[in-house]
Amino acid sequence: SGRITLLTRQCVELGVELCEAPPPALPCALVLALPRPPALRRILKSATALGVKRVALIDSARVEGSFWQSSQISSEKIEEQIHLGLEQARDTIPPEISLHRSFPRFVERELPSWLSGARGWVGHPGALAPCPHAATGSSVLIVGPEGGFVPHEIEALEAQGVQPISLGPRPLSIDTAVIALLARLAP
């Protein structure tokens, strides 16, 4: 509910009282190799609407260097998509977004803390294990660029205890794969 607390010719101030708690967060963090800017917009909006509260955008061998110069990774553009996702879900708590320009540094220095107390999954074309359904506990979903991570990146993730998983034999776009994987892992 809201109440107008100040009304002048230049502005309106509202006092807002939130009467309901936001929907529960999805117990899954997302680590995403920076995709093409249009796909990034769709993923951020949808992942936020699904309740993801922590997102890392990382570099990878197959990430185009020009993606890092895109205006779509500016804080204003990221916040815009997050707000759209929050509105869709009637949520009030935005996710934490971080940018990591070095794959090895992220995997060796950051990922272990992300995986502390959580199960790690990497969606990867050709993985033998199917994506689990309604995973219990906390998890970290890692999704590579179009075409997936290169072999030495998969090996680095597996060395951290991350398990490769698949959605089957059909090639999917990154934005479709991320949402399908999050939906499968959701309790």
C-alpha atoms as a PDB file:
ATOM      1  CA  SER A   1       0.000   0.000   0.000  1.00  0.00           C
ATOM      2  CA  GLY A   2       1.148   3.549  -0.502  1.00  0.00           C
ATOM      3  CA  ARG A   3       0.469   7.024   0.778  1.00  0.00           C
ATOM      4  CA  ILE A   4       1.449  10.357  -0.729  1.00  0.00           C
ATOM      5  CA  THR A   5       3.737  12.013   1.813  1.00  0.00           C
ATOM      6  CA  LEU A   6       4.722  15.075  -0.216  1.00  0.00           C
ATOM      7  CA  LEU A   7       3.126  16.674  -3.243  1.00  0.00           C
ATOM      8  CA  THR A   8       4.606  19.725  -4.939  1.00  0.00           C
ATOM      9  CA  ARG A   9       4.704  21.018  -8.496  1.00  0.00           C
ATOM     10  CA  GLN A  10       8.118  19.373  -8.909  1.00  0.00           C
ATOM     11  CA  CYS A  11       7.698  16.017  -7.237  1.00  0.00           C
ATOM     12  CA  VAL A  12       5.567  13.412  -5.562  1.00  0.00           C
ATOM     13  CA  GLU A  13       6.949  11.384  -2.657  1.00  0.00           C
ATOM     14  CA  LEU A  14       5.305   8.144  -1.662  1.00  0.00           C
ATOM     15  CA  GLY A  15       5.508   6.199   1.550  1.00  0.00           C
ATOM     16  CA  VAL A  16       5.220   2.536   0.593  1.00  0.00           C
ATOM     17  CA  GLU A  17       4.422  -0.371   2.875  1.00  0.00           C
ATOM     18  CA  LEU A  18       5.019  -3.869   1.526  1.00  0.00           C
ATOM     19  CA  CYS A  19       2.272  -6.125   2.814  1.00  0.00           C
ATOM     20  CA  GLU A  20       3.494  -9.469   1.506  1.00  0.00           C
ATOM     21  CA  ALA A  21       6.850 -11.206   1.568  1.00  0.00           C
ATOM     22  CA  PRO A  22       8.478 -11.737  -1.827  1.00  0.00           C
ATOM     23  CA  PRO A  23       8.235 -15.220  -3.311  1.00  0.00           C
ATOM     24  CA  PRO A  24      10.938 -17.622  -2.112  1.00  0.00           C
ATOM     25  CA  ALA A  25      14.286 -17.469  -3.880  1.00  0.00           C
ATOM     26  CA  LEU A  26      15.370 -20.288  -6.146  1.00  0.00           C
ATOM     27  CA  PRO A  27      18.116 -22.219  -4.294  1.00  0.00           C
ATOM     28  CA  CYS A  28      20.299 -22.087  -7.392  1.00  0.00           C
ATOM     29  CA  ALA A  29      23.018 -19.589  -8.307  1.00  0.00           C
ATOM     30  CA  LEU A  30      23.852 -19.039 -11.978  1.00  0.00           C
ATOM     31  CA  VAL A  31      27.314 -18.798 -13.525  1.00  0.00           C
ATOM     32  CA  LEU A  32      27.000 -17.828 -17.154  1.00  0.00           C
ATOM     33  CA  ALA A  33      29.606 -17.433 -19.882  1.00  0.00           C
ATOM     34  CA  LEU A  34      28.790 -13.978 -21.254  1.00  0.00           C
ATOM     35  CA  PRO A  35      26.325 -14.563 -24.125  1.00  0.00           C
ATOM     36  CA  ARG A  36      25.365 -12.325 -27.036  1.00  0.00           C
ATOM     37  CA  PRO A  37      23.773  -9.119 -25.706  1.00  0.00           C
ATOM     38  CA  PRO A  38      20.181  -9.923 -26.834  1.00  0.00           C
ATOM     39  CA  ALA A  39      20.378 -13.343 -25.155  1.00  0.00           C
ATOM     40  CA  LEU A  40      21.838 -11.758 -22.012  1.00  0.00           C
ATOM     41  CA  ARG A  41      18.823  -9.458 -21.702  1.00  0.00           C
ATOM     42  CA  ARG A  42      16.382 -12.373 -21.967  1.00  0.00           C
ATOM     43  CA  ILE A  43      18.357 -14.551 -19.546  1.00  0.00           C
ATOM     44  CA  LEU A  44      18.705 -11.864 -16.863  1.00  0.00           C
ATOM     45  CA  LYS A  45      15.006 -11.033 -16.986  1.00  0.00           C
ATOM     46  CA  SER A  46      13.881 -14.678 -16.913  1.00  0.00           C
ATOM     47  CA  ALA A  47      16.397 -15.867 -14.313  1.00  0.00           C
ATOM     48  CA  THR A  48      15.363 -12.988 -12.035  1.00  0.00           C
ATOM     49  CA  ALA A  49      11.686 -13.846 -12.523  1.00  0.00           C
ATOM     50  CA  LEU A  50      12.479 -17.478 -11.599  1.00  0.00           C
ATOM     51  CA  GLY A  51      14.079 -16.337  -8.336  1.00  0.00           C
ATOM     52  CA  VAL A  52      17.815 -16.611  -9.024  1.00  0.00           C
ATOM     53  CA  LYS A  53      19.558 -14.357  -6.479  1.00  0.00           C
ATOM     54  CA  ARG A  54      23.202 -14.655  -7.515  1.00  0.00           C
ATOM     55  CA  VAL A  55      24.615 -14.437 -11.052  1.00  0.00           C
ATOM     56  CA  ALA A  56      28.215 -14.393 -12.266  1.00  0.00           C
ATOM     57  CA  LEU A  57      28.942 -13.425 -15.857  1.00  0.00           C
ATOM     58  CA  ILE A  58      32.269 -14.971 -16.832  1.00  0.00           C
ATOM     59  CA  ASP A  59      34.649 -15.098 -19.753  1.00  0.00           C
ATOM     60  CA  SER A  60      35.375 -18.289 -21.681  1.00  0.00           C
ATOM     61  CA  ALA A  61      37.432 -19.312 -24.701  1.00  0.00           C
ATOM     62  CA  ARG A  62      34.330 -19.115 -26.927  1.00  0.00           C
ATOM     63  CA  VAL A  63      33.034 -15.777 -25.606  1.00  0.00           C
ATOM     64  CA  GLU A  64      33.466 -13.037 -28.193  1.00  0.00           C
ATOM     65  CA  GLY A  65      35.714 -10.316 -26.771  1.00  0.00           C
ATOM     66  CA  SER A  66      33.413  -7.617 -28.159  1.00  0.00           C
ATOM     67  CA  PHE A  67      30.608  -8.781 -25.830  1.00  0.00           C
ATOM     68  CA  TRP A  68      32.551  -7.247 -22.919  1.00  0.00           C
ATOM     69  CA  GLN A  69      32.355  -3.824 -24.605  1.00  0.00           C
ATOM     70  CA  SER A  70      28.594  -4.019 -25.146  1.00  0.00           C
ATOM     71  CA  SER A  71      26.409  -1.398 -23.502  1.00  0.00           C
ATOM     72  CA  GLN A  72      24.193  -4.310 -22.403  1.00  0.00           C
ATOM     73  CA  ILE A  73      26.587  -5.140 -19.558  1.00  0.00           C
ATOM     74  CA  SER A  74      26.443  -1.614 -18.151  1.00  0.00           C
ATOM     75  CA  SER A  75      24.948  -1.493 -14.680  1.00  0.00           C
ATOM     76  CA  GLU A  76      21.971   0.528 -15.994  1.00  0.00           C
ATOM     77  CA  LYS A  77      21.069  -2.051 -18.682  1.00  0.00           C
ATOM     78  CA  ILE A  78      21.528  -4.963 -16.285  1.00  0.00           C
ATOM     79  CA  GLU A  79      19.347  -3.242 -13.667  1.00  0.00           C
ATOM     80  CA  GLU A  80      16.678  -2.615 -16.301  1.00  0.00           C
ATOM     81  CA  GLN A  81      16.353  -6.335 -17.047  1.00  0.00           C
ATOM     82  CA  ILE A  82      16.465  -7.220 -13.361  1.00  0.00           C
ATOM     83  CA  HIS A  83      13.628  -4.794 -12.625  1.00  0.00           C
ATOM     84  CA  LEU A  84      11.547  -6.311 -15.420  1.00  0.00           C
ATOM     85  CA  GLY A  85      12.108  -9.784 -13.947  1.00  0.00           C
ATOM     86  CA  LEU A  86      11.274  -8.571 -10.437  1.00  0.00           C
ATOM     87  CA  GLU A  87       8.057  -6.960 -11.682  1.00  0.00           C
ATOM     88  CA  GLN A  88       7.074 -10.157 -13.481  1.00  0.00           C
ATOM     89  CA  ALA A  89       7.556 -12.242 -10.320  1.00  0.00           C
ATOM     90  CA  ARG A  90       6.203  -9.630  -7.862  1.00  0.00           C
ATOM     91  CA  ASP A  91       9.582  -9.798  -6.159  1.00  0.00           C
ATOM     92  CA  THR A  92      11.422  -7.022  -4.327  1.00  0.00           C
ATOM     93  CA  ILE A  93      14.884  -8.499  -3.811  1.00  0.00           C
ATOM     94  CA  PRO A  94      17.225  -8.158  -6.805  1.00  0.00           C
ATOM     95  CA  PRO A  95      19.944 -10.689  -7.553  1.00  0.00           C
ATOM     96  CA  GLU A  96      23.622  -9.941  -6.996  1.00  0.00           C
ATOM     97  CA  ILE A  97      25.378  -9.702 -10.373  1.00  0.00           C
ATOM     98  CA  SER A  98      29.169  -9.941 -10.750  1.00  0.00           C
ATOM     99  CA  LEU A  99      31.437  -9.771 -13.802  1.00  0.00           C
ATOM    100  CA  HIS A 100      34.560 -11.929 -14.137  1.00  0.00           C
ATOM    101  CA  ARG A 101      36.828 -11.375 -17.153  1.00  0.00           C
ATOM    102  CA  SER A 102      39.124 -14.340 -16.389  1.00  0.00           C
ATOM    103  CA  PHE A 103      37.789 -17.901 -16.538  1.00  0.00           C
ATOM    104  CA  PRO A 104      40.776 -19.485 -14.727  1.00  0.00           C
ATOM    105  CA  ARG A 105      40.748 -16.872 -11.955  1.00  0.00           C
ATOM    106  CA  PHE A 106      36.995 -17.298 -11.406  1.00  0.00           C
ATOM    107  CA  VAL A 107      37.170 -21.118 -11.366  1.00  0.00           C
ATOM    108  CA  GLU A 108      40.202 -21.287  -9.076  1.00  0.00           C
ATOM    109  CA  ARG A 109      39.507 -18.383  -6.691  1.00  0.00           C
ATOM    110  CA  GLU A 110      35.771 -17.642  -6.720  1.00  0.00           C
ATOM    111  CA  LEU A 111      33.958 -20.842  -7.642  1.00  0.00           C
ATOM    112  CA  PRO A 112      35.012 -22.799  -4.518  1.00  0.00           C
ATOM    113  CA  SER A 113      33.140 -20.336  -2.289  1.00  0.00           C
ATOM    114  CA  TRP A 114      30.107 -20.484  -4.592  1.00  0.00           C
ATOM    115  CA  LEU A 115      30.146 -24.280  -4.293  1.00  0.00           C
ATOM    116  CA  SER A 116      30.526 -24.299  -0.508  1.00  0.00           C
ATOM    117  CA  GLY A 117      27.492 -26.254   0.691  1.00  0.00           C
ATOM    118  CA  ALA A 118      26.082 -26.459  -2.834  1.00  0.00           C
ATOM    119  CA  ARG A 119      26.050 -28.971  -5.681  1.00  0.00           C
ATOM    120  CA  GLY A 120      27.685 -27.813  -8.934  1.00  0.00           C
ATOM    121  CA  TRP A 121      26.231 -28.575 -12.354  1.00  0.00           C
ATOM    122  CA  VAL A 122      27.523 -27.526 -15.770  1.00  0.00           C
ATOM    123  CA  GLY A 123      25.082 -27.689 -18.652  1.00  0.00           C
ATOM    124  CA  HIS A 124      27.184 -28.995 -21.512  1.00  0.00           C
ATOM    125  CA  PRO A 125      26.325 -30.373 -24.962  1.00  0.00           C
ATOM    126  CA  GLY A 126      27.262 -34.026 -25.094  1.00  0.00           C
ATOM    127  CA  ALA A 127      27.319 -34.591 -21.339  1.00  0.00           C
ATOM    128  CA  LEU A 128      26.211 -38.128 -20.517  1.00  0.00           C
ATOM    129  CA  ALA A 129      24.311 -37.411 -17.295  1.00  0.00           C
ATOM    130  CA  PRO A 130      20.817 -35.982 -17.689  1.00  0.00           C
ATOM    131  CA  CYS A 131      19.880 -32.830 -15.812  1.00  0.00           C
ATOM    132  CA  PRO A 132      18.361 -33.842 -12.483  1.00  0.00           C
ATOM    133  CA  HIS A 133      14.764 -32.979 -11.778  1.00  0.00           C
ATOM    134  CA  ALA A 134      13.883 -31.007  -8.634  1.00  0.00           C
ATOM    135  CA  ALA A 135      17.363 -31.078  -7.133  1.00  0.00           C
ATOM    136  CA  THR A 136      17.420 -30.897  -3.359  1.00  0.00           C
ATOM    137  CA  GLY A 137      19.537 -28.387  -1.483  1.00  0.00           C
ATOM    138  CA  SER A 138      21.477 -25.491  -2.912  1.00  0.00           C
ATOM    139  CA  SER A 139      23.100 -25.682  -6.289  1.00  0.00           C
ATOM    140  CA  VAL A 140      25.191 -23.702  -8.738  1.00  0.00           C
ATOM    141  CA  LEU A 141      24.305 -23.971 -12.409  1.00  0.00           C
ATOM    142  CA  ILE A 142      27.108 -23.156 -14.838  1.00  0.00           C
ATOM    143  CA  VAL A 143      26.285 -22.609 -18.506  1.00  0.00           C
ATOM    144  CA  GLY A 144      28.855 -21.993 -21.209  1.00  0.00           C
ATOM    145  CA  PRO A 145      28.692 -20.058 -24.445  1.00  0.00           C
ATOM    146  CA  GLU A 146      27.076 -21.235 -27.672  1.00  0.00           C
ATOM    147  CA  GLY A 147      28.806 -24.549 -28.439  1.00  0.00           C
ATOM    148  CA  GLY A 148      29.699 -25.124 -24.788  1.00  0.00           C
ATOM    149  CA  PHE A 149      32.935 -24.815 -22.897  1.00  0.00           C
ATOM    150  CA  VAL A 150      36.153 -26.077 -24.496  1.00  0.00           C
ATOM    151  CA  PRO A 151      37.561 -29.357 -23.083  1.00  0.00           C
ATOM    152  CA  HIS A 152      40.153 -27.799 -20.733  1.00  0.00           C
ATOM    153  CA  GLU A 153      37.435 -25.547 -19.235  1.00  0.00           C
ATOM    154  CA  ILE A 154      35.211 -28.574 -18.560  1.00  0.00           C
ATOM    155  CA  GLU A 155      38.200 -30.299 -16.952  1.00  0.00           C
ATOM    156  CA  ALA A 156      38.812 -27.258 -14.713  1.00  0.00           C
ATOM    157  CA  LEU A 157      35.161 -27.253 -13.644  1.00  0.00           C
ATOM    158  CA  GLU A 158      35.185 -31.003 -12.980  1.00  0.00           C
ATOM    159  CA  ALA A 159      38.339 -30.540 -10.869  1.00  0.00           C
ATOM    160  CA  GLN A 160      36.217 -28.276  -8.627  1.00  0.00           C
ATOM    161  CA  GLY A 161      33.587 -31.039  -8.275  1.00  0.00           C
ATOM    162  CA  VAL A 162      31.152 -29.731 -10.891  1.00  0.00           C
ATOM    163  CA  GLN A 163      29.216 -32.418 -12.783  1.00  0.00           C
ATOM    164  CA  PRO A 164      28.427 -32.026 -16.506  1.00  0.00           C
ATOM    165  CA  ILE A 165      24.727 -32.488 -17.302  1.00  0.00           C
ATOM    166  CA  SER A 166      22.648 -32.432 -20.460  1.00  0.00           C
ATOM    167  CA  LEU A 167      19.104 -31.710 -21.587  1.00  0.00           C
ATOM    168  CA  GLY A 168      19.358 -34.297 -24.359  1.00  0.00           C
ATOM    169  CA  PRO A 169      20.556 -34.479 -27.940  1.00  0.00           C
ATOM    170  CA  ARG A 170      18.908 -31.324 -29.307  1.00  0.00           C
ATOM    171  CA  PRO A 171      21.121 -28.247 -29.635  1.00  0.00           C
ATOM    172  CA  LEU A 172      19.512 -25.352 -27.751  1.00  0.00           C
ATOM    173  CA  SER A 173      20.185 -21.640 -27.770  1.00  0.00           C
ATOM    174  CA  ILE A 174      21.805 -20.368 -24.583  1.00  0.00           C
ATOM    175  CA  ASP A 175      18.732 -18.480 -23.397  1.00  0.00           C
ATOM    176  CA  THR A 176      16.525 -21.558 -23.889  1.00  0.00           C
ATOM    177  CA  ALA A 177      19.066 -23.877 -22.237  1.00  0.00           C
ATOM    178  CA  VAL A 178      19.517 -21.655 -19.154  1.00  0.00           C
ATOM    179  CA  ILE A 179      15.789 -21.389 -18.477  1.00  0.00           C
ATOM    180  CA  ALA A 180      15.166 -25.102 -19.158  1.00  0.00           C
ATOM    181  CA  LEU A 181      18.013 -26.103 -16.813  1.00  0.00           C
ATOM    182  CA  LEU A 182      16.852 -23.744 -14.052  1.00  0.00           C
ATOM    183  CA  ALA A 183      13.290 -25.024 -14.369  1.00  0.00           C
ATOM    184  CA  ARG A 184      14.450 -28.660 -14.146  1.00  0.00           C
ATOM    185  CA  LEU A 185      16.649 -28.009 -11.127  1.00  0.00           C
ATOM    186  CA  ALA A 186      13.962 -26.031  -9.283  1.00  0.00           C
ATOM    187  CA  PRO A 187      12.418 -27.854  -6.322  1.00  0.00           C
END
